[in-house]
Protein backbone atom coordinates (compact mmCIF):
# COMPACT_ATOMS: atom_id res chain seq x y z
CA MET A 1 29.90 258.84 -184.00
CA ALA A 2 28.37 255.54 -184.91
CA PHE A 3 24.64 255.27 -184.53
CA GLY A 4 23.19 252.09 -183.07
CA PRO A 5 21.08 249.52 -184.90
CA PRO A 6 17.59 251.00 -186.08
CA THR A 7 14.58 250.25 -183.90
CA ALA A 8 10.98 250.43 -185.01
CA ARG A 9 9.51 253.90 -184.67
CA THR A 10 7.10 256.37 -186.01
CA ILE A 11 8.09 260.01 -186.81
CA ARG A 12 5.95 262.92 -187.96
CA TRP A 13 7.01 266.32 -189.31
CA SER A 14 5.05 269.32 -190.27
CA SER A 15 5.82 272.16 -192.58
CA TRP A 16 7.80 274.89 -190.89
CA GLU A 17 4.78 277.20 -191.30
CA GLY A 18 2.35 274.63 -189.71
CA LEU A 19 0.17 271.64 -190.32
CA GLU A 20 -2.05 273.44 -192.92
CA ASP A 21 1.06 273.70 -195.13
CA GLY A 22 2.22 270.10 -194.90
CA LEU A 23 2.34 266.93 -192.79
CA GLU A 24 4.42 263.69 -193.00
CA HIS A 25 3.99 260.44 -191.17
CA VAL A 26 6.61 257.64 -191.58
CA ASP A 27 6.94 254.29 -189.99
CA ILE A 28 10.53 252.90 -189.78
CA ARG A 29 11.26 249.35 -189.01
CA PRO A 30 14.11 246.86 -189.26
CA GLU A 31 13.53 244.30 -191.89
CA GLY A 32 15.93 241.33 -192.51
CA SER A 33 19.43 242.90 -192.27
CA GLY A 34 18.19 246.33 -193.40
CA THR A 35 15.56 249.02 -192.72
CA VAL A 36 12.25 249.91 -194.44
CA ALA A 37 10.59 253.40 -194.21
CA ALA A 38 7.00 253.68 -195.34
CA GLY A 39 5.44 257.21 -195.32
CA VAL A 40 2.79 259.53 -196.49
CA ILE A 41 3.11 263.24 -197.08
CA VAL A 42 0.54 265.99 -197.90
CA GLY A 43 1.89 269.28 -198.88
CA ALA A 44 2.11 271.99 -201.44
CA GLU A 45 4.78 273.06 -203.88
CA GLU A 46 4.49 276.39 -205.58
CA SER A 47 0.93 276.53 -204.40
CA ALA A 48 0.04 273.12 -206.10
CA CYS A 49 -1.26 270.80 -203.53
CA TYR A 50 -0.27 267.09 -203.59
CA GLY A 51 -0.26 263.72 -201.59
CA LEU A 52 2.77 261.44 -201.81
CA THR A 53 3.27 257.85 -200.58
CA TYR A 54 6.74 256.33 -200.46
CA ARG A 55 8.46 253.07 -199.41
CA LEU A 56 12.20 252.96 -199.04
CA VAL A 57 14.26 249.77 -198.62
CA MET A 58 17.70 250.43 -197.26
CA ASP A 59 20.51 247.77 -196.66
CA GLU A 60 22.48 247.35 -193.43
CA ALA A 61 24.73 250.34 -194.39
CA TRP A 62 21.69 252.69 -195.04
CA ARG A 63 22.14 252.58 -198.68
CA ILE A 64 19.01 252.75 -200.76
CA ARG A 65 18.24 249.51 -202.58
CA GLU A 66 14.67 250.27 -203.65
CA ALA A 67 12.30 253.29 -203.55
CA ARG A 68 8.78 253.40 -204.53
CA LEU A 69 6.92 256.68 -204.80
CA GLU A 70 3.46 257.61 -205.91
CA ALA A 71 1.88 261.04 -206.10
CA THR A 72 -1.87 261.55 -205.90
CA THR A 73 -1.49 263.74 -208.98
CA GLY A 74 -0.62 260.68 -211.02
CA PRO A 75 3.17 260.33 -211.38
CA SER A 76 4.82 257.28 -209.91
CA LEU A 77 8.47 256.35 -209.65
CA HIS A 78 10.28 252.95 -208.84
CA LEU A 79 14.09 253.22 -208.35
CA GLN A 80 16.33 250.25 -207.76
CA SER A 81 20.01 250.39 -206.83
CA ASP A 82 22.85 247.88 -206.36
CA GLY A 83 23.94 249.99 -203.41
CA GLN A 84 27.24 250.76 -205.39
CA GLY A 85 25.94 253.62 -207.60
CA SER A 86 24.16 251.85 -210.46
CA TRP A 87 20.41 252.65 -210.84
CA ARG A 88 17.34 251.54 -212.63
CA ALA A 89 14.19 253.77 -212.85
CA ASP A 90 10.87 252.02 -213.74
CA GLY A 91 12.91 249.10 -215.02
CA GLN A 92 15.11 251.06 -217.28
CA PRO A 93 19.01 251.77 -216.68
CA ARG A 94 19.68 255.37 -215.45
CA PRO A 95 23.40 255.85 -216.30
CA ASP A 96 23.03 259.65 -215.40
CA LEU A 97 22.55 258.57 -211.80
CA HIS A 98 25.76 256.57 -211.81
CA GLY A 99 27.74 257.09 -208.57
CA CYS A 100 24.79 258.14 -206.59
CA ILE A 101 24.48 256.12 -203.38
CA ASP A 102 21.76 258.10 -201.62
CA ILE A 103 18.43 259.70 -202.70
CA ASP A 104 17.04 263.01 -201.49
CA ILE A 105 13.26 263.35 -201.87
CA GLN A 106 12.46 267.12 -201.92
CA ALA A 107 9.41 266.78 -199.65
CA THR A 108 11.01 265.09 -196.63
CA PRO A 109 13.78 265.41 -194.06
CA LEU A 110 13.89 261.61 -193.82
CA THR A 111 16.23 261.07 -196.63
CA ASN A 112 18.89 263.41 -195.00
CA THR A 113 19.15 260.57 -192.32
CA LEU A 114 20.54 258.06 -194.81
CA PRO A 115 24.03 259.75 -195.43
CA ILE A 116 24.11 261.12 -191.80
CA ARG A 117 23.97 257.51 -190.50
CA ARG A 118 26.00 255.89 -193.25
CA LEU A 119 28.97 258.37 -193.38
CA ASN A 120 29.87 258.25 -189.60
CA LEU A 121 31.66 261.65 -189.89
CA ASP A 122 33.98 262.87 -187.13
CA LYS A 123 33.71 266.53 -185.79
CA GLY A 124 34.45 268.94 -188.65
CA GLN A 125 34.65 266.27 -191.24
CA SER A 126 32.86 266.80 -194.55
CA ALA A 127 31.72 264.51 -197.27
CA ILE A 128 30.63 265.42 -200.80
CA MET A 129 28.37 262.98 -202.59
CA ARG A 130 26.22 262.56 -205.66
CA VAL A 131 22.62 261.87 -204.77
CA ALA A 132 19.47 260.96 -206.95
CA TYR A 133 17.41 263.99 -206.20
CA ILE A 134 13.67 263.59 -206.53
CA TRP A 135 11.43 266.52 -207.29
CA VAL A 136 7.87 266.53 -205.91
CA PRO A 137 5.17 266.25 -207.14
CA SER A 138 6.54 265.48 -210.58
CA LEU A 139 8.76 262.59 -209.33
CA SER A 140 11.41 263.51 -211.89
CA VAL A 141 14.89 262.54 -210.71
CA GLU A 142 18.36 263.95 -211.38
CA ALA A 143 21.78 263.60 -210.01
CA GLN A 144 22.94 266.35 -207.75
CA GLU A 145 25.94 266.92 -205.44
CA HIS A 146 25.37 267.44 -201.70
CA CYS A 147 27.81 268.02 -198.91
CA TYR A 148 27.45 266.94 -195.25
CA THR A 149 29.51 268.36 -192.36
CA ALA A 150 29.51 266.92 -188.83
CA LEU A 151 29.15 270.06 -186.55
CA ASP A 152 28.51 268.00 -183.46
CA PRO A 153 28.59 264.21 -184.37
CA GLY A 154 25.45 262.48 -183.42
CA ALA A 155 23.81 265.82 -182.74
CA GLN A 156 24.07 268.40 -185.67
CA TYR A 157 25.09 268.29 -189.23
CA ARG A 158 25.38 271.00 -191.93
CA PHE A 159 23.68 270.09 -195.21
CA GLU A 160 24.65 271.99 -198.43
CA SER A 161 23.33 271.63 -201.93
CA LEU A 162 26.27 272.39 -204.07
CA GLU A 163 23.87 273.10 -207.09
CA SER A 164 21.70 275.71 -205.52
CA GLY A 165 23.89 276.99 -202.72
CA PHE A 166 21.23 276.18 -199.98
CA ARG A 167 22.47 275.12 -196.69
CA ALA A 168 20.87 274.32 -193.35
CA ASP A 169 22.18 273.12 -189.90
CA LEU A 170 20.24 270.06 -189.01
CA PRO A 171 19.82 268.89 -185.33
CA VAL A 172 19.34 265.14 -185.16
CA ASP A 173 18.08 262.71 -182.44
CA GLY A 174 20.10 259.80 -180.95
CA ASP A 175 19.30 257.78 -184.08
CA GLY A 176 20.33 260.23 -186.74
CA PHE A 177 16.75 261.44 -187.60
CA VAL A 178 16.33 265.12 -188.34
CA MET A 179 14.56 267.00 -185.47
CA ASN A 180 13.96 270.38 -187.28
CA TYR A 181 15.00 271.56 -190.74
CA PRO A 182 15.04 275.31 -190.39
CA ARG A 183 12.50 277.18 -192.70
CA LEU A 184 11.20 273.77 -193.99
CA PHE A 185 10.15 271.22 -191.38
CA ARG A 186 9.45 270.84 -187.78
CA ARG A 187 9.44 267.44 -185.84
CA LEU A 188 6.16 266.70 -184.11
CA SER A 189 6.99 263.11 -182.70
């Protein structure tokens, strides 16, 4: 299923347990030939509370070209990619991330949309990929392998982390944005 061109929109998710455990607000808009997503998250990880702002710049194929993240606890991260798997973090080459096309920010379901939209998988088809996984709130980044499977193209996808064995079936809206992420996030708008 090919998704249509992006439209400007606002999305909010809460933690699965409710607003008191976490909330995200993101504005998504077309810009030039790509898309920009700017968001803010308040949450907790292992009972440590944090705030996080991010700005993601994607090209027309939904590949990350730039990501800026800043945690209220102090850490910040600036990633740049050529869209072909070469990365720089805070201006320095990151050869350990070579081959990663997507990022996965631990604290948001938004980054699951990037490969879902980009891969255009048919029913039952799977794709394994390297991603630049960003831990929150430390903003440390490492390469991981993830797998996406189209259960119902355009409506539901299975996400699997090959490192941890974690998996979840993700319902998406007509633009490929995650509706609910069982045990982690609920869509509010």
